[in-house]
Protein backbone atom coordinates (compact mmCIF):
# COMPACT_ATOMS: atom_id res chain seq x y z
CA MET A 1 -25.46 2.13 -7.20
CA LYS A 2 -23.33 5.23 -7.70
CA ILE A 3 -19.65 4.40 -7.15
CA ALA A 4 -16.91 7.05 -7.16
CA VAL A 5 -13.24 6.41 -7.85
CA LEU A 6 -11.11 8.93 -5.94
CA SER A 7 -8.29 9.68 -8.36
CA THR A 8 -6.31 12.73 -9.41
CA ASN A 9 -5.99 11.42 -12.98
CA PRO A 10 -8.90 9.80 -14.86
CA LYS A 11 -6.49 8.64 -17.59
CA LEU A 12 -4.51 6.29 -15.34
CA TYR A 13 -4.83 2.58 -16.16
CA SER A 14 -6.21 1.66 -12.73
CA THR A 15 -8.78 4.47 -12.76
CA LYS A 16 -10.00 3.59 -16.26
CA ARG A 17 -10.26 -0.12 -15.46
CA LEU A 18 -12.27 0.53 -12.29
CA VAL A 19 -14.67 2.85 -14.13
CA GLU A 20 -15.08 0.21 -16.84
CA ALA A 21 -15.79 -2.52 -14.27
CA ILE A 22 -18.32 -0.37 -12.41
CA ARG A 23 -20.25 0.28 -15.63
CA THR A 24 -20.03 -3.37 -16.70
CA HIS A 25 -21.77 -4.27 -13.43
CA GLY A 26 -24.56 -1.86 -14.29
CA HIS A 27 -23.66 0.88 -11.81
CA GLU A 28 -23.05 4.58 -12.29
CA ALA A 29 -19.36 5.48 -12.23
CA LEU A 30 -17.72 8.82 -11.63
CA VAL A 31 -14.17 9.99 -10.98
CA ILE A 32 -13.62 12.54 -8.21
CA ASN A 33 -10.29 14.31 -7.82
CA HIS A 34 -9.89 14.17 -4.05
CA ALA A 35 -7.16 16.84 -4.16
CA LEU A 36 -9.78 19.31 -5.40
CA CYS A 37 -12.47 18.43 -2.86
CA HIS A 38 -13.44 20.82 -0.06
CA VAL A 39 -14.36 19.37 3.31
CA MET A 40 -17.19 21.15 5.13
CA ILE A 41 -17.37 20.46 8.85
CA GLU A 42 -20.31 21.50 10.96
CA GLU A 43 -22.41 19.91 13.67
CA GLU A 44 -23.99 16.64 12.51
CA LYS A 45 -23.74 17.63 8.86
CA PRO A 46 -20.55 16.47 7.13
CA VAL A 47 -20.37 17.68 3.52
CA ILE A 48 -17.89 17.31 0.67
CA LEU A 49 -17.84 19.98 -2.03
CA TYR A 50 -16.48 19.16 -5.48
CA LYS A 51 -16.40 21.88 -8.12
CA ASN A 52 -18.36 24.03 -5.64
CA LYS A 53 -21.24 21.55 -5.48
CA PRO A 54 -22.13 19.12 -2.64
CA VAL A 55 -21.27 15.51 -3.42
CA GLU A 56 -24.48 13.57 -2.84
CA GLY A 57 -25.96 10.16 -3.55
CA ILE A 58 -22.66 8.25 -3.46
CA ASP A 59 -23.05 4.63 -2.34
CA ALA A 60 -19.37 3.64 -2.34
CA ILE A 61 -15.91 5.01 -3.01
CA ILE A 62 -12.71 3.36 -4.22
CA PRO A 63 -9.82 5.48 -2.91
CA ARG A 64 -6.76 5.79 -5.17
CA ILE A 65 -4.76 8.09 -2.91
CA GLY A 66 -1.28 9.02 -4.12
CA ALA A 67 1.58 9.24 -1.65
CA SER A 68 2.05 12.97 -2.29
CA VAL A 69 -1.45 13.79 -0.99
CA THR A 70 -1.89 11.11 1.66
CA ASP A 71 -2.97 13.42 4.49
CA TYR A 72 -5.46 15.43 2.45
CA GLY A 73 -6.74 12.38 0.61
CA CYS A 74 -7.35 10.58 3.90
CA ALA A 75 -9.24 13.63 5.21
CA VAL A 76 -11.57 13.34 2.22
CA VAL A 77 -11.99 9.58 2.70
CA ARG A 78 -12.71 10.16 6.39
CA GLN A 79 -15.39 12.70 5.47
CA PHE A 80 -17.05 10.14 3.21
CA GLU A 81 -16.95 7.68 6.13
CA MET A 82 -18.71 10.26 8.32
CA MET A 83 -21.32 10.56 5.57
CA LYS A 84 -21.81 6.77 5.92
CA VAL A 85 -20.48 6.04 2.43
CA PHE A 86 -18.90 2.61 1.99
CA THR A 87 -15.17 2.66 1.20
CA THR A 88 -13.04 -0.22 -0.02
CA VAL A 89 -10.16 1.05 2.13
CA LYS A 90 -10.72 3.12 5.25
CA SER A 91 -8.79 6.31 5.96
CA GLN A 92 -7.07 4.93 9.04
CA ALA A 93 -5.90 1.87 7.12
CA ILE A 94 -4.39 4.08 4.42
CA MET A 95 -2.55 6.13 7.05
CA ARG A 96 -1.25 2.99 8.75
CA SER A 97 0.05 1.46 5.55
CA ARG A 98 1.72 4.63 4.25
CA ASN A 99 4.04 5.12 7.22
CA LYS A 100 6.65 2.36 7.05
CA LEU A 101 7.57 2.56 10.73
CA ARG A 102 3.97 2.49 11.93
CA SER A 103 3.04 -0.37 9.60
CA LEU A 104 6.03 -2.46 10.70
CA GLN A 105 5.16 -1.88 14.36
CA ILE A 106 1.60 -3.08 13.75
CA LEU A 107 2.74 -6.08 11.71
CA SER A 108 5.25 -7.01 14.41
CA LYS A 109 2.59 -6.88 17.11
CA ALA A 110 0.33 -9.10 14.98
CA GLY A 111 3.04 -11.75 14.71
CA VAL A 112 3.72 -11.17 11.01
CA GLN A 113 7.27 -12.07 9.98
CA ILE A 114 9.21 -9.00 8.81
CA PRO A 115 12.91 -8.23 8.25
CA LYS A 116 14.77 -7.07 11.36
CA THR A 117 14.47 -3.28 11.44
CA VAL A 118 15.85 -0.50 13.63
CA PHE A 119 14.79 3.13 13.94
CA ALA A 120 16.62 5.82 15.88
CA ASN A 121 16.39 9.58 16.24
CA GLN A 122 19.47 11.26 14.73
CA THR A 123 21.88 9.11 16.72
CA LYS A 124 25.66 9.44 16.34
CA ASP A 125 26.21 5.76 17.10
CA ILE A 126 25.35 4.65 13.57
CA GLU A 127 27.72 1.67 13.60
CA SER A 128 25.65 0.04 16.35
CA LEU A 129 22.46 0.41 14.30
CA ILE A 130 24.07 -1.26 11.30
CA HIS A 131 25.20 -4.24 13.34
CA LEU A 132 21.89 -4.55 15.20
CA VAL A 133 20.29 -5.72 11.94
CA GLY A 134 23.19 -8.02 11.05
CA GLY A 135 24.83 -5.76 8.50
CA PRO A 136 26.51 -4.67 6.43
CA PRO A 137 25.01 -4.85 3.88
CA VAL A 138 21.83 -3.11 5.02
CA ILE A 139 18.74 -1.57 3.44
CA ILE A 140 18.05 2.09 4.28
CA LYS A 141 14.52 3.38 3.76
CA LEU A 142 12.68 6.66 4.06
CA LEU A 143 9.60 6.43 6.28
CA GLU A 144 7.40 7.28 3.29
CA GLY A 145 8.13 6.30 -0.27
CA THR A 146 6.65 4.26 -3.11
CA GLN A 147 7.73 2.29 -6.18
CA GLY A 148 11.24 1.79 -4.79
CA VAL A 149 11.97 5.51 -4.39
CA GLY A 150 13.76 6.32 -1.12
CA VAL A 151 15.25 2.82 -0.73
CA VAL A 152 19.04 2.36 -0.70
CA LEU A 153 21.23 -0.74 -0.48
CA ALA A 154 24.45 0.04 1.40
CA GLU A 155 26.91 -2.79 0.86
CA SER A 156 29.62 -1.64 3.26
CA GLU A 157 29.69 -0.04 6.69
CA THR A 158 31.27 3.08 5.21
CA ALA A 159 28.54 3.40 2.57
CA ALA A 160 25.81 2.79 5.14
CA LYS A 161 27.21 5.35 7.55
CA SER A 162 27.62 7.97 4.80
CA THR A 163 24.06 7.44 3.54
CA ILE A 164 22.50 7.60 6.99
CA GLU A 165 24.50 10.70 7.89
CA ALA A 166 23.37 12.34 4.65
CA PHE A 167 19.71 11.69 5.51
CA TYR A 168 20.26 12.91 9.07
CA GLY A 169 21.85 16.05 7.64
CA LEU A 170 18.56 16.70 5.83
CA LYS A 171 16.71 16.26 9.16
CA THR A 172 15.20 13.05 7.85
CA ASN A 173 14.96 9.89 9.94
CA VAL A 174 15.24 6.53 8.22
CA LEU A 175 14.66 2.84 8.84
CA ILE A 176 17.67 0.53 8.75
CA GLN A 177 16.72 -2.99 7.74
CA GLU A 178 18.49 -6.31 7.36
CA TYR A 179 19.37 -7.33 3.82
CA ILE A 180 17.90 -10.67 2.77
CA ALA A 181 20.55 -11.85 0.30
CA GLU A 182 18.78 -15.10 -0.57
CA SER A 183 15.85 -13.18 -2.12
CA LYS A 184 18.22 -12.32 -5.01
CA GLY A 185 16.40 -9.13 -5.99
CA ALA A 186 13.00 -10.82 -6.29
CA ASP A 187 9.74 -10.36 -4.42
CA ILE A 188 6.13 -11.47 -4.57
CA ARG A 189 3.10 -9.20 -4.98
CA ALA A 190 -0.08 -10.79 -3.67
CA PHE A 191 -3.28 -8.92 -4.47
CA VAL A 192 -5.88 -9.15 -1.71
CA VAL A 193 -9.57 -8.34 -2.14
CA GLY A 194 -11.59 -8.85 1.03
CA ASN A 195 -10.37 -12.05 2.64
CA LYS A 196 -9.01 -13.66 -0.52
CA ILE A 197 -5.84 -13.66 -2.59
CA VAL A 198 -7.18 -13.03 -6.10
CA ALA A 199 -3.87 -12.89 -8.01
CA ALA A 200 -0.13 -13.11 -7.38
CA MET A 201 3.04 -12.49 -9.33
CA LYS A 202 6.77 -12.79 -8.80
CA ARG A 203 8.78 -9.68 -9.65
CA GLN A 204 12.47 -9.89 -10.49
CA GLY A 205 14.62 -6.77 -10.39
CA LYS A 206 16.66 -5.86 -13.45
CA ALA A 207 20.35 -6.75 -13.48
CA GLY A 208 22.31 -4.74 -10.93
CA ASP A 209 19.20 -3.48 -9.06
CA PHE A 210 18.07 -5.11 -5.82
CA ARG A 211 14.63 -3.45 -6.16
CA SER A 212 12.02 -5.53 -7.98
CA ASN A 213 9.43 -2.79 -8.62
CA LEU A 214 7.98 -2.91 -12.15
CA HIS A 215 8.29 0.89 -12.31
CA ARG A 216 12.04 0.43 -11.94
CA GLY A 217 12.36 -2.07 -14.79
CA GLY A 218 11.54 -5.30 -12.97
CA LYS A 219 9.95 -8.27 -14.77
CA ALA A 220 6.85 -10.13 -13.60
CA THR A 221 5.61 -13.71 -13.92
CA PRO A 222 2.33 -15.15 -12.55
CA ILE A 223 2.63 -17.59 -9.67
CA LEU A 224 0.54 -19.66 -7.28
CA LEU A 225 1.28 -18.93 -3.63
CA THR A 226 2.19 -21.63 -1.16
CA PRO A 227 -0.14 -21.97 1.86
CA GLN A 228 2.53 -20.27 4.00
CA GLU A 229 2.82 -17.33 1.59
CA GLU A 230 -0.95 -16.97 1.31
CA LYS A 231 -1.33 -16.99 5.09
CA ALA A 232 1.35 -14.32 5.50
CA ALA A 233 -0.24 -12.01 2.91
CA LEU A 234 -3.74 -12.29 4.38
CA GLN A 235 -2.44 -11.86 7.93
CA ALA A 236 -0.57 -8.70 6.95
CA ALA A 237 -3.50 -7.12 5.11
CA ARG A 238 -5.85 -7.87 7.99
CA ALA A 239 -3.43 -6.54 10.61
CA LEU A 240 -3.35 -3.15 8.86
CA GLY A 241 -7.05 -3.23 7.99
CA VAL A 242 -6.42 -2.88 4.25
CA ARG A 243 -9.17 -4.82 2.49
CA VAL A 244 -8.02 -4.11 -1.07
CA ALA A 245 -4.25 -4.43 -0.93
CA GLY A 246 -1.07 -5.25 -2.75
CA VAL A 247 1.03 -7.19 -0.25
CA ASP A 248 4.74 -7.37 -1.03
CA MET A 249 6.88 -10.12 0.46
CA ILE A 250 10.30 -11.64 -0.07
CA LEU A 251 11.34 -15.23 0.43
CA SER A 252 14.00 -15.83 3.06
CA ASN A 253 15.57 -18.86 4.68
CA ARG A 254 13.18 -18.18 7.58
CA GLY A 255 10.09 -18.16 5.37
CA PRO A 256 8.12 -15.36 3.65
CA MET A 257 8.76 -11.88 5.05
CA ILE A 258 6.34 -9.01 4.55
CA MET A 259 7.93 -5.87 3.17
CA GLU A 260 4.94 -3.61 2.60
CA VAL A 261 1.15 -3.49 2.35
CA ASN A 262 0.08 -1.10 -0.41
CA SER A 263 -3.36 0.46 0.13
CA SER A 264 -3.61 1.87 -3.43
CA PRO A 265 -2.04 -0.93 -5.47
CA GLY A 266 -1.83 -0.45 -9.22
CA LEU A 267 -3.86 -2.79 -11.41
CA GLU A 268 -1.85 -2.67 -14.62
CA GLY A 269 1.03 -4.90 -13.60
CA ILE A 270 -1.05 -7.57 -11.86
CA GLU A 271 -3.79 -7.70 -14.52
CA ASN A 272 -1.38 -7.82 -17.47
CA CYS A 273 0.81 -10.43 -15.78
CA THR A 274 -1.88 -12.79 -14.48
CA GLY A 275 -4.83 -12.13 -16.78
CA VAL A 276 -7.09 -11.78 -13.73
CA ASN A 277 -9.77 -9.07 -13.95
CA VAL A 278 -8.94 -7.53 -10.58
CA ALA A 279 -11.06 -4.41 -11.21
CA ASP A 280 -14.14 -6.60 -11.64
CA LEU A 281 -13.41 -8.43 -8.38
CA ILE A 282 -13.12 -5.10 -6.51
CA VAL A 283 -16.58 -4.06 -7.74
CA SER A 284 -17.96 -7.49 -6.77
CA PHE A 285 -16.49 -6.98 -3.30
CA ILE A 286 -18.41 -3.69 -2.98
CA GLU A 287 -21.63 -5.41 -4.06
CA GLU A 288 -21.14 -8.16 -1.48
CA LYS A 289 -20.21 -5.90 1.43
CA ILE A 290 -22.79 -3.10 1.14
CA PRO A 291 -25.88 -5.34 1.65
CA ALA A 292 -24.11 -6.94 4.64
CA ASP A 293 -24.52 -3.64 6.50
CA GLU A 294 -20.74 -3.35 7.12
CA ASN A 295 -20.53 -3.51 10.92
CA ASP A 296 -16.85 -4.52 11.11
CA THR A 297 -14.37 -2.02 12.47
CA ILE A 298 -11.32 -3.13 10.51
CA GLY A 299 -9.11 -0.12 9.81
CA VAL A 300 -10.91 2.26 12.21
């Protein structure tokens, strides 16, 4: 098979590991910078041009779409779908997972436990929003953001009001979310491939930072999920249609709560922490799904 990794940087750890795994399985690997692709649209003949040449003969793609190019990257993934190329994550699933409001709405409808969240359009009654989620303190989030960027902990009503007003002043709407104090700055990343949890780690934020992201200095340790945690992670990934996912959850007094489903999860942290060859399992997933004639509509 010829398998393409859609990535803007072939030197990234995740990109290199996927290319290595593809070749280890005896397949042809190539890296395509989706930001440099041209999408040709004409009747019954979808085409992708890369370096001014049609992209042909691709059996499967592994999208690694960065947040800064979500819309364009998804347009390229969608074009591959129209060309009947298998993708580990469909374009609609990427779009769902990237918008925090949309993903929380879908998770809520699916019965997945999430922190209480409120969203309003430039309202002046900010105090009511803060108290609707049981605060202060409260978490304030941009609708799109990764690796802990665009997430603020406001510990007082004054701080929360000032932060929200500042975002509103920039014509930016935000989510206001309840603060789960008992999580103590820790979360769990469960890595999903297909219908299985293949690896999991606990991430603890550095001293003084409520965010546990490894990119922000958090520390990781491998863990085994409880049945309740495993069920929550799989339910969340399936609800959003993300078949290769990093599912982030925090532990509360009410049980595990899903924070986010990442559709382009990094491999470095999870592989180095757990020792699991996640890249190899992603390629195995492609091998298993393609012969099955992929009739499911998850993520469409």
